[in-house]
All heavy atoms as atom14 arrays in JSON, in Angstrom:
{
  "sequence": "ARREALEYLARVGVENQADKLPSQLSGGQQQRAAIARALAMKPKV",
  "atom14_mask": [
    [1, 1, 1, 1, 1, 0, 0, 0, 0, 0, 0, 0, 0, 0],
    [1, 1, 1, 1, 1, 1, 1, 1, 1, 1, 1, 0, 0, 0],
    [1, 1, 1, 1, 1, 1, 1, 1, 1, 1, 1, 0, 0, 0],
    [1, 1, 1, 1, 1, 1, 1, 1, 1, 0, 0, 0, 0, 0],
    [1, 1, 1, 1, 1, 0, 0, 0, 0, 0, 0, 0, 0, 0],
    [1, 1, 1, 1, 1, 1, 1, 1, 0, 0, 0, 0, 0, 0],
    [1, 1, 1, 1, 1, 1, 1, 1, 1, 0, 0, 0, 0, 0],
    [1, 1, 1, 1, 1, 1, 1, 1, 1, 1, 1, 1, 0, 0],
    [1, 1, 1, 1, 1, 1, 1, 1, 0, 0, 0, 0, 0, 0],
    [1, 1, 1, 1, 1, 0, 0, 0, 0, 0, 0, 0, 0, 0],
    [1, 1, 1, 1, 1, 1, 1, 1, 1, 1, 1, 0, 0, 0],
    [1, 1, 1, 1, 1, 1, 1, 0, 0, 0, 0, 0, 0, 0],
    [1, 1, 1, 1, 0, 0, 0, 0, 0, 0, 0, 0, 0, 0],
    [1, 1, 1, 1, 1, 1, 1, 0, 0, 0, 0, 0, 0, 0],
    [1, 1, 1, 1, 1, 1, 1, 1, 1, 0, 0, 0, 0, 0],
    [1, 1, 1, 1, 1, 1, 1, 1, 0, 0, 0, 0, 0, 0],
    [1, 1, 1, 1, 1, 1, 1, 1, 1, 0, 0, 0, 0, 0],
    [1, 1, 1, 1, 1, 0, 0, 0, 0, 0, 0, 0, 0, 0],
    [1, 1, 1, 1, 1, 1, 1, 1, 0, 0, 0, 0, 0, 0],
    [1, 1, 1, 1, 1, 1, 1, 1, 1, 0, 0, 0, 0, 0],
    [1, 1, 1, 1, 1, 1, 1, 1, 0, 0, 0, 0, 0, 0],
    [1, 1, 1, 1, 1, 1, 1, 0, 0, 0, 0, 0, 0, 0],
    [1, 1, 1, 1, 1, 1, 0, 0, 0, 0, 0, 0, 0, 0],
    [1, 1, 1, 1, 1, 1, 1, 1, 1, 0, 0, 0, 0, 0],
    [1, 1, 1, 1, 1, 1, 1, 1, 0, 0, 0, 0, 0, 0],
    [1, 1, 1, 1, 1, 1, 0, 0, 0, 0, 0, 0, 0, 0],
    [1, 1, 1, 1, 0, 0, 0, 0, 0, 0, 0, 0, 0, 0],
    [1, 1, 1, 1, 0, 0, 0, 0, 0, 0, 0, 0, 0, 0],
    [1, 1, 1, 1, 1, 1, 1, 1, 1, 0, 0, 0, 0, 0],
    [1, 1, 1, 1, 1, 1, 1, 1, 1, 0, 0, 0, 0, 0],
    [1, 1, 1, 1, 1, 1, 1, 1, 1, 0, 0, 0, 0, 0],
    [1, 1, 1, 1, 1, 1, 1, 1, 1, 1, 1, 0, 0, 0],
    [1, 1, 1, 1, 1, 0, 0, 0, 0, 0, 0, 0, 0, 0],
    [1, 1, 1, 1, 1, 0, 0, 0, 0, 0, 0, 0, 0, 0],
    [1, 1, 1, 1, 1, 1, 1, 1, 0, 0, 0, 0, 0, 0],
    [1, 1, 1, 1, 1, 0, 0, 0, 0, 0, 0, 0, 0, 0],
    [1, 1, 1, 1, 1, 1, 1, 1, 1, 1, 1, 0, 0, 0],
    [1, 1, 1, 1, 1, 0, 0, 0, 0, 0, 0, 0, 0, 0],
    [1, 1, 1, 1, 1, 1, 1, 1, 0, 0, 0, 0, 0, 0],
    [1, 1, 1, 1, 1, 0, 0, 0, 0, 0, 0, 0, 0, 0],
    [1, 1, 1, 1, 1, 1, 1, 1, 0, 0, 0, 0, 0, 0],
    [1, 1, 1, 1, 1, 1, 1, 1, 1, 0, 0, 0, 0, 0],
    [1, 1, 1, 1, 1, 1, 1, 0, 0, 0, 0, 0, 0, 0],
    [1, 1, 1, 1, 1, 1, 1, 1, 1, 0, 0, 0, 0, 0],
    [1, 1, 1, 1, 1, 1, 1, 0, 0, 0, 0, 0, 0, 0]
  ],
  "atom14_positions": [
    [[-22.48, -116.52, 83.91], [-21.67, -116.0, 84.97], [-20.38, -116.8, 85.35], [-19.31, -116.39, 85.54], [-22.48, -115.79, 86.31], [0.0, 0.0, 0.0], [0.0, 0.0, 0.0], [0.0, 0.0, 0.0], [0.0, 0.0, 0.0], [0.0, 0.0, 0.0], [0.0, 0.0, 0.0], [0.0, 0.0, 0.0], [0.0, 0.0, 0.0], [0.0, 0.0, 0.0]],
    [[-20.67, -118.15, 85.23], [-19.54, -119.08, 85.5], [-18.54, -118.95, 84.47], [-17.32, -119.04, 84.75], [-20.11, -120.57, 85.58], [-18.98, -121.52, 85.96], [-19.7, -123.06, 86.08], [-18.7, -123.86, 86.76], [-17.66, -124.53, 86.13], [-17.62, -124.31, 84.77], [-16.95, -125.36, 86.85], [0.0, 0.0, 0.0], [0.0, 0.0, 0.0], [0.0, 0.0, 0.0]],
    [[-18.93, -118.98, 83.18], [-17.96, -118.9, 82.07], [-17.17, -117.61, 82.22], [-15.88, -117.71, 82.02], [-18.75, -118.89, 80.71], [-17.85, -118.9, 79.49], [-18.61, -118.85, 78.23], [-19.31, -117.56, 77.98], [-20.66, -117.49, 77.88], [-21.44, -118.52, 78.23], [-21.08, -116.27, 77.88], [0.0, 0.0, 0.0], [0.0, 0.0, 0.0], [0.0, 0.0, 0.0]],
    [[-17.85, -116.56, 82.48], [-17.13, -115.29, 82.49], [-16.23, -115.18, 83.82], [-14.96, -114.65, 83.69], [-18.03, -114.18, 82.45], [-18.85, -113.99, 81.26], [-19.7, -112.72, 81.18], [-19.88, -112.05, 82.25], [-20.27, -112.37, 79.97], [0.0, 0.0, 0.0], [0.0, 0.0, 0.0], [0.0, 0.0, 0.0], [0.0, 0.0, 0.0], [0.0, 0.0, 0.0]],
    [[-16.69, -115.87, 84.86], [-15.85, -115.71, 86.1], [-14.48, -116.6, 85.88], [-13.41, -116.24, 86.29], [-16.63, -116.48, 87.25], [0.0, 0.0, 0.0], [0.0, 0.0, 0.0], [0.0, 0.0, 0.0], [0.0, 0.0, 0.0], [0.0, 0.0, 0.0], [0.0, 0.0, 0.0], [0.0, 0.0, 0.0], [0.0, 0.0, 0.0], [0.0, 0.0, 0.0]],
    [[-14.68, -117.7, 85.26], [-13.47, -118.49, 84.97], [-12.48, -117.67, 83.99], [-11.24, -117.79, 84.16], [-13.76, -119.81, 84.18], [-14.47, -120.78, 85.21], [-15.03, -121.95, 84.42], [-13.49, -121.29, 86.22], [0.0, 0.0, 0.0], [0.0, 0.0, 0.0], [0.0, 0.0, 0.0], [0.0, 0.0, 0.0], [0.0, 0.0, 0.0], [0.0, 0.0, 0.0]],
    [[-12.97, -116.9, 82.97], [-12.15, -116.1, 82.11], [-11.46, -114.96, 83.07], [-10.18, -114.67, 82.79], [-13.02, -115.4, 81.09], [-13.57, -116.4, 80.04], [-14.09, -115.7, 78.81], [-13.43, -114.71, 78.39], [-15.04, -116.23, 78.21], [0.0, 0.0, 0.0], [0.0, 0.0, 0.0], [0.0, 0.0, 0.0], [0.0, 0.0, 0.0], [0.0, 0.0, 0.0]],
    [[-12.22, -114.31, 83.97], [-11.5, -113.33, 84.9], [-10.41, -114.0, 85.72], [-9.35, -113.33, 85.8], [-12.55, -112.65, 85.67], [-13.4, -111.66, 84.84], [-14.7, -111.69, 84.66], [-12.66, -110.46, 84.19], [-15.38, -110.75, 83.79], [-13.28, -109.52, 83.61], [-14.84, -109.64, 83.39], [-15.43, -108.76, 82.65], [0.0, 0.0, 0.0], [0.0, 0.0, 0.0]],
    [[-10.76, -115.14, 86.26], [-9.76, -115.79, 87.09], [-8.53, -116.14, 86.27], [-7.48, -116.07, 86.64], [-10.38, -116.99, 87.63], [-11.36, -116.72, 88.78], [-12.11, -118.1, 89.29], [-10.66, -116.1, 90.05], [0.0, 0.0, 0.0], [0.0, 0.0, 0.0], [0.0, 0.0, 0.0], [0.0, 0.0, 0.0], [0.0, 0.0, 0.0], [0.0, 0.0, 0.0]],
    [[-8.7, -116.54, 85.06], [-7.57, -116.78, 84.19], [-6.77, -115.58, 83.84], [-5.58, -115.55, 83.74], [-8.1, -117.45, 82.77], [0.0, 0.0, 0.0], [0.0, 0.0, 0.0], [0.0, 0.0, 0.0], [0.0, 0.0, 0.0], [0.0, 0.0, 0.0], [0.0, 0.0, 0.0], [0.0, 0.0, 0.0], [0.0, 0.0, 0.0], [0.0, 0.0, 0.0]],
    [[-7.42, -114.45, 83.66], [-6.87, -113.26, 83.48], [-5.82, -112.7, 84.52], [-4.88, -112.09, 84.36], [-7.74, -112.0, 83.14], [-8.7, -112.11, 81.95], [-7.88, -112.22, 80.56], [-8.89, -112.32, 79.56], [-9.22, -113.61, 79.04], [-8.7, -114.6, 79.58], [-10.01, -113.65, 78.0], [0.0, 0.0, 0.0], [0.0, 0.0, 0.0], [0.0, 0.0, 0.0]],
    [[-6.28, -113.12, 85.72], [-5.4, -112.74, 86.86], [-4.49, -113.87, 87.39], [-3.85, -113.79, 88.41], [-6.28, -112.14, 88.06], [-6.95, -110.89, 87.57], [-7.12, -113.24, 88.58], [0.0, 0.0, 0.0], [0.0, 0.0, 0.0], [0.0, 0.0, 0.0], [0.0, 0.0, 0.0], [0.0, 0.0, 0.0], [0.0, 0.0, 0.0], [0.0, 0.0, 0.0]],
    [[-4.45, -114.99, 86.67], [-3.55, -116.15, 86.95], [-3.99, -117.15, 87.98], [-3.22, -117.78, 88.54], [0.0, 0.0, 0.0], [0.0, 0.0, 0.0], [0.0, 0.0, 0.0], [0.0, 0.0, 0.0], [0.0, 0.0, 0.0], [0.0, 0.0, 0.0], [0.0, 0.0, 0.0], [0.0, 0.0, 0.0], [0.0, 0.0, 0.0], [0.0, 0.0, 0.0]],
    [[-5.25, -117.16, 88.42], [-5.58, -118.12, 89.44], [-6.86, -119.01, 89.03], [-7.54, -119.67, 89.85], [-5.99, -117.43, 90.76], [-4.72, -116.84, 91.31], [-7.08, -116.45, 90.46], [0.0, 0.0, 0.0], [0.0, 0.0, 0.0], [0.0, 0.0, 0.0], [0.0, 0.0, 0.0], [0.0, 0.0, 0.0], [0.0, 0.0, 0.0], [0.0, 0.0, 0.0]],
    [[-7.01, -119.31, 87.78], [-8.07, -120.11, 87.31], [-7.94, -121.55, 87.89], [-8.86, -122.23, 88.05], [-8.13, -120.17, 85.76], [-7.01, -120.83, 85.04], [-5.83, -120.05, 84.78], [-5.63, -119.08, 85.46], [-4.99, -120.44, 83.86], [0.0, 0.0, 0.0], [0.0, 0.0, 0.0], [0.0, 0.0, 0.0], [0.0, 0.0, 0.0], [0.0, 0.0, 0.0]],
    [[-6.6, -122.04, 88.12], [-6.48, -123.32, 88.75], [-6.91, -123.38, 90.22], [-6.77, -124.4, 90.78], [-5.01, -123.8, 88.56], [-4.03, -122.89, 89.12], [-4.31, -121.77, 89.38], [-2.86, -123.5, 89.37], [0.0, 0.0, 0.0], [0.0, 0.0, 0.0], [0.0, 0.0, 0.0], [0.0, 0.0, 0.0], [0.0, 0.0, 0.0], [0.0, 0.0, 0.0]],
    [[-7.28, -122.3, 90.77], [-7.69, -122.31, 92.18], [-9.15, -122.06, 92.3], [-9.7, -121.89, 93.41], [-7.03, -121.13, 92.95], [-5.53, -121.02, 92.59], [-4.76, -122.2, 93.48], [-5.22, -122.76, 94.37], [-3.59, -122.49, 92.82], [0.0, 0.0, 0.0], [0.0, 0.0, 0.0], [0.0, 0.0, 0.0], [0.0, 0.0, 0.0], [0.0, 0.0, 0.0]],
    [[-9.86, -122.13, 91.22], [-11.28, -121.75, 91.24], [-12.21, -122.57, 92.24], [-13.2, -121.96, 92.71], [-11.8, -121.93, 89.67], [0.0, 0.0, 0.0], [0.0, 0.0, 0.0], [0.0, 0.0, 0.0], [0.0, 0.0, 0.0], [0.0, 0.0, 0.0], [0.0, 0.0, 0.0], [0.0, 0.0, 0.0], [0.0, 0.0, 0.0], [0.0, 0.0, 0.0]],
    [[-12.03, -123.9, 92.46], [-12.73, -124.67, 93.3], [-12.26, -124.61, 94.73], [-12.85, -125.46, 95.52], [-12.78, -126.02, 92.68], [-13.5, -126.15, 91.42], [-14.49, -125.33, 91.17], [-13.23, -126.94, 90.55], [0.0, 0.0, 0.0], [0.0, 0.0, 0.0], [0.0, 0.0, 0.0], [0.0, 0.0, 0.0], [0.0, 0.0, 0.0], [0.0, 0.0, 0.0]],
    [[-11.24, -123.85, 95.06], [-10.73, -123.85, 96.4], [-11.37, -122.78, 97.25], [-11.97, -121.79, 96.64], [-9.24, -123.64, 96.44], [-8.6, -124.76, 95.82], [-6.98, -124.51, 95.82], [-6.25, -125.72, 95.47], [-4.7, -125.5, 95.44], [0.0, 0.0, 0.0], [0.0, 0.0, 0.0], [0.0, 0.0, 0.0], [0.0, 0.0, 0.0], [0.0, 0.0, 0.0]],
    [[-11.45, -122.99, 98.53], [-11.94, -121.85, 99.44], [-10.73, -120.71, 99.6], [-9.58, -121.13, 99.58], [-12.32, -122.45, 100.81], [-13.44, -123.42, 100.84], [-13.72, -124.04, 102.22], [-14.83, -122.67, 100.41], [0.0, 0.0, 0.0], [0.0, 0.0, 0.0], [0.0, 0.0, 0.0], [0.0, 0.0, 0.0], [0.0, 0.0, 0.0], [0.0, 0.0, 0.0]],
    [[-11.17, -119.62, 100.0], [-10.2, -118.53, 100.14], [-9.01, -118.93, 101.17], [-7.74, -118.64, 100.9], [-10.91, -117.39, 100.75], [-12.23, -117.56, 100.1], [-12.53, -119.02, 100.11], [0.0, 0.0, 0.0], [0.0, 0.0, 0.0], [0.0, 0.0, 0.0], [0.0, 0.0, 0.0], [0.0, 0.0, 0.0], [0.0, 0.0, 0.0], [0.0, 0.0, 0.0]],
    [[-9.44, -119.67, 102.16], [-8.3, -120.04, 103.2], [-7.31, -121.03, 102.65], [-6.31, -121.17, 103.13], [-9.06, -120.73, 104.37], [-9.7, -121.88, 103.94], [0.0, 0.0, 0.0], [0.0, 0.0, 0.0], [0.0, 0.0, 0.0], [0.0, 0.0, 0.0], [0.0, 0.0, 0.0], [0.0, 0.0, 0.0], [0.0, 0.0, 0.0], [0.0, 0.0, 0.0]],
    [[-7.59, -121.57, 101.38], [-6.55, -122.51, 100.9], [-5.63, -121.88, 99.93], [-4.81, -122.41, 99.29], [-7.29, -123.59, 100.14], [-8.3, -124.71, 100.98], [-9.04, -125.47, 100.18], [-10.19, -125.12, 99.53], [-8.77, -126.7, 100.23], [0.0, 0.0, 0.0], [0.0, 0.0, 0.0], [0.0, 0.0, 0.0], [0.0, 0.0, 0.0], [0.0, 0.0, 0.0]],
    [[-5.82, -120.55, 99.67], [-4.94, -119.76, 98.8], [-4.07, -118.87, 99.59], [-4.24, -118.5, 100.69], [-5.85, -118.79, 97.97], [-6.33, -119.4, 96.72], [-7.28, -120.71, 96.95], [-7.05, -118.31, 95.83], [0.0, 0.0, 0.0], [0.0, 0.0, 0.0], [0.0, 0.0, 0.0], [0.0, 0.0, 0.0], [0.0, 0.0, 0.0], [0.0, 0.0, 0.0]],
    [[-2.91, -118.54, 98.97], [-2.01, -117.53, 99.56], [-2.63, -116.17, 99.48], [-3.62, -115.92, 98.81], [-0.68, -117.56, 98.79], [-0.93, -116.88, 97.47], [0.0, 0.0, 0.0], [0.0, 0.0, 0.0], [0.0, 0.0, 0.0], [0.0, 0.0, 0.0], [0.0, 0.0, 0.0], [0.0, 0.0, 0.0], [0.0, 0.0, 0.0], [0.0, 0.0, 0.0]],
    [[-2.09, -115.19, 100.27], [-2.64, -113.85, 100.3], [-2.6, -113.22, 98.95], [-3.57, -112.56, 98.65], [0.0, 0.0, 0.0], [0.0, 0.0, 0.0], [0.0, 0.0, 0.0], [0.0, 0.0, 0.0], [0.0, 0.0, 0.0], [0.0, 0.0, 0.0], [0.0, 0.0, 0.0], [0.0, 0.0, 0.0], [0.0, 0.0, 0.0], [0.0, 0.0, 0.0]],
    [[-1.53, -113.5, 98.14], [-1.44, -112.87, 96.78], [-2.55, -113.5, 95.91], [-3.09, -112.66, 95.11], [0.0, 0.0, 0.0], [0.0, 0.0, 0.0], [0.0, 0.0, 0.0], [0.0, 0.0, 0.0], [0.0, 0.0, 0.0], [0.0, 0.0, 0.0], [0.0, 0.0, 0.0], [0.0, 0.0, 0.0], [0.0, 0.0, 0.0], [0.0, 0.0, 0.0]],
    [[-2.82, -114.82, 95.97], [-3.84, -115.4, 95.19], [-5.23, -114.86, 95.57], [-6.09, -114.58, 94.72], [-3.77, -116.94, 95.36], [-2.64, -117.57, 94.72], [-2.4, -119.07, 95.06], [-2.76, -119.47, 96.23], [-1.78, -119.83, 94.22], [0.0, 0.0, 0.0], [0.0, 0.0, 0.0], [0.0, 0.0, 0.0], [0.0, 0.0, 0.0], [0.0, 0.0, 0.0]],
    [[-5.42, -114.7, 96.91], [-6.63, -114.22, 97.36], [-6.96, -112.72, 96.8], [-7.99, -112.47, 96.41], [-6.76, -114.17, 98.92], [-6.9, -115.56, 99.5], [-7.12, -115.41, 101.05], [-8.08, -114.92, 101.49], [-6.2, -115.94, 101.78], [0.0, 0.0, 0.0], [0.0, 0.0, 0.0], [0.0, 0.0, 0.0], [0.0, 0.0, 0.0], [0.0, 0.0, 0.0]],
    [[-5.87, -111.93, 96.72], [-6.01, -110.61, 96.36], [-6.32, -110.62, 94.83], [-7.12, -109.69, 94.35], [-4.83, -109.69, 96.64], [-4.98, -108.31, 96.49], [-6.22, -107.64, 97.38], [-7.28, -107.91, 97.26], [-5.88, -106.83, 98.3], [0.0, 0.0, 0.0], [0.0, 0.0, 0.0], [0.0, 0.0, 0.0], [0.0, 0.0, 0.0], [0.0, 0.0, 0.0]],
    [[-5.6, -111.42, 94.16], [-5.82, -111.52, 92.67], [-7.36, -111.98, 92.43], [-8.09, -111.53, 91.39], [-4.77, -112.39, 91.99], [-3.55, -111.78, 91.86], [-2.62, -112.66, 91.08], [-1.92, -113.64, 91.88], [-1.57, -114.85, 91.26], [-1.66, -115.19, 90.0], [-0.91, -115.59, 92.04], [0.0, 0.0, 0.0], [0.0, 0.0, 0.0], [0.0, 0.0, 0.0]],
    [[-7.83, -112.95, 93.14], [-9.23, -113.39, 93.02], [-10.19, -112.19, 93.35], [-11.17, -112.08, 92.75], [-9.55, -114.59, 94.06], [0.0, 0.0, 0.0], [0.0, 0.0, 0.0], [0.0, 0.0, 0.0], [0.0, 0.0, 0.0], [0.0, 0.0, 0.0], [0.0, 0.0, 0.0], [0.0, 0.0, 0.0], [0.0, 0.0, 0.0], [0.0, 0.0, 0.0]],
    [[-9.89, -111.38, 94.42], [-10.7, -110.18, 94.83], [-10.76, -109.23, 93.6], [-11.7, -108.61, 93.31], [-10.01, -109.46, 95.97], [0.0, 0.0, 0.0], [0.0, 0.0, 0.0], [0.0, 0.0, 0.0], [0.0, 0.0, 0.0], [0.0, 0.0, 0.0], [0.0, 0.0, 0.0], [0.0, 0.0, 0.0], [0.0, 0.0, 0.0], [0.0, 0.0, 0.0]],
    [[-9.57, -109.06, 92.83], [-9.69, -108.24, 91.64], [-10.45, -108.9, 90.58], [-11.26, -107.98, 89.94], [-8.16, -108.1, 91.1], [-7.31, -107.22, 92.17], [-8.08, -107.38, 89.72], [-5.78, -107.22, 91.87], [0.0, 0.0, 0.0], [0.0, 0.0, 0.0], [0.0, 0.0, 0.0], [0.0, 0.0, 0.0], [0.0, 0.0, 0.0], [0.0, 0.0, 0.0]],
    [[-10.36, -110.19, 90.25], [-11.39, -110.79, 89.47], [-12.71, -110.6, 89.82], [-13.5, -110.41, 88.87], [-10.9, -112.39, 89.34], [0.0, 0.0, 0.0], [0.0, 0.0, 0.0], [0.0, 0.0, 0.0], [0.0, 0.0, 0.0], [0.0, 0.0, 0.0], [0.0, 0.0, 0.0], [0.0, 0.0, 0.0], [0.0, 0.0, 0.0], [0.0, 0.0, 0.0]],
    [[-13.12, -110.74, 91.0], [-14.46, -110.5, 91.64], [-14.94, -109.06, 91.11], [-15.97, -108.86, 90.74], [-14.55, -110.76, 93.1], [-15.87, -110.5, 93.63], [-15.9, -110.64, 95.06], [-14.91, -109.65, 95.83], [-14.8, -109.6, 97.07], [-15.47, -110.46, 97.97], [-13.92, -108.64, 97.61], [0.0, 0.0, 0.0], [0.0, 0.0, 0.0], [0.0, 0.0, 0.0]],
    [[-14.09, -108.12, 91.42], [-14.47, -106.76, 91.02], [-14.71, -106.63, 89.51], [-15.62, -105.97, 89.07], [-13.38, -105.84, 91.57], [0.0, 0.0, 0.0], [0.0, 0.0, 0.0], [0.0, 0.0, 0.0], [0.0, 0.0, 0.0], [0.0, 0.0, 0.0], [0.0, 0.0, 0.0], [0.0, 0.0, 0.0], [0.0, 0.0, 0.0], [0.0, 0.0, 0.0]],
    [[-13.81, -107.19, 88.85], [-13.91, -107.13, 87.33], [-15.08, -107.77, 86.82], [-15.63, -107.23, 85.71], [-12.57, -107.68, 86.71], [-11.32, -106.93, 86.92], [-10.06, -107.72, 86.28], [-11.27, -105.54, 86.25], [0.0, 0.0, 0.0], [0.0, 0.0, 0.0], [0.0, 0.0, 0.0], [0.0, 0.0, 0.0], [0.0, 0.0, 0.0], [0.0, 0.0, 0.0]],
    [[-15.46, -108.74, 87.46], [-16.61, -109.49, 86.89], [-17.99, -108.66, 86.82], [-18.89, -109.02, 86.11], [-17.03, -110.66, 87.8], [0.0, 0.0, 0.0], [0.0, 0.0, 0.0], [0.0, 0.0, 0.0], [0.0, 0.0, 0.0], [0.0, 0.0, 0.0], [0.0, 0.0, 0.0], [0.0, 0.0, 0.0], [0.0, 0.0, 0.0], [0.0, 0.0, 0.0]],
    [[-18.0, -107.49, 87.59], [-19.04, -106.66, 87.56], [-19.0, -105.59, 86.52], [-19.8, -104.69, 86.24], [-19.2, -105.92, 88.89], [-19.59, -106.87, 90.1], [-21.26, -107.63, 89.84], [-22.27, -106.05, 90.26], [0.0, 0.0, 0.0], [0.0, 0.0, 0.0], [0.0, 0.0, 0.0], [0.0, 0.0, 0.0], [0.0, 0.0, 0.0], [0.0, 0.0, 0.0]],
    [[-17.95, -105.75, 85.67], [-17.66, -104.77, 84.47], [-17.76, -103.44, 84.98], [-18.63, -102.57, 84.34], [-18.49, -105.23, 83.25], [-18.32, -106.56, 82.8], [-19.34, -107.07, 81.74], [-18.99, -108.6, 81.51], [-20.09, -109.09, 80.51], [0.0, 0.0, 0.0], [0.0, 0.0, 0.0], [0.0, 0.0, 0.0], [0.0, 0.0, 0.0], [0.0, 0.0, 0.0]],
    [[-16.98, -103.01, 85.95], [-17.11, -101.63, 86.43], [-16.64, -100.49, 85.5], [-15.79, -100.79, 84.67], [-16.31, -101.57, 87.74], [-15.21, -102.63, 87.41], [-15.93, -103.66, 86.62], [0.0, 0.0, 0.0], [0.0, 0.0, 0.0], [0.0, 0.0, 0.0], [0.0, 0.0, 0.0], [0.0, 0.0, 0.0], [0.0, 0.0, 0.0], [0.0, 0.0, 0.0]],
    [[-17.03, -99.21, 85.8], [-16.69, -98.13, 85.06], [-15.26, -97.72, 85.59], [-14.47, -96.97, 84.89], [-17.59, -96.94, 85.08], [-18.86, -97.32, 84.51], [-19.87, -96.1, 84.48], [-21.23, -96.36, 83.9], [-22.1, -95.29, 83.94], [0.0, 0.0, 0.0], [0.0, 0.0, 0.0], [0.0, 0.0, 0.0], [0.0, 0.0, 0.0], [0.0, 0.0, 0.0]],
    [[-14.94, -97.88, 86.84], [-13.83, -97.41, 87.58], [-13.39, -98.49, 88.57], [-14.46, -99.06, 89.29], [-14.04, -95.95, 88.17], [-15.21, -95.95, 89.09], [-12.72, -95.51, 88.91], [0.0, 0.0, 0.0], [0.0, 0.0, 0.0], [0.0, 0.0, 0.0], [0.0, 0.0, 0.0], [0.0, 0.0, 0.0], [0.0, 0.0, 0.0], [0.0, 0.0, 0.0]]
  ]
}
């Protein structure tokens, strides 16, 4: 899960923020992380 999560974070361009808390990120970075979180479940839609 950690390996795949880092890959998803890389896909959305925030892998260098992986160890930070959400409050330490900009709104755009938080939303990209939220997209990575959704993708990590490998959804159908």
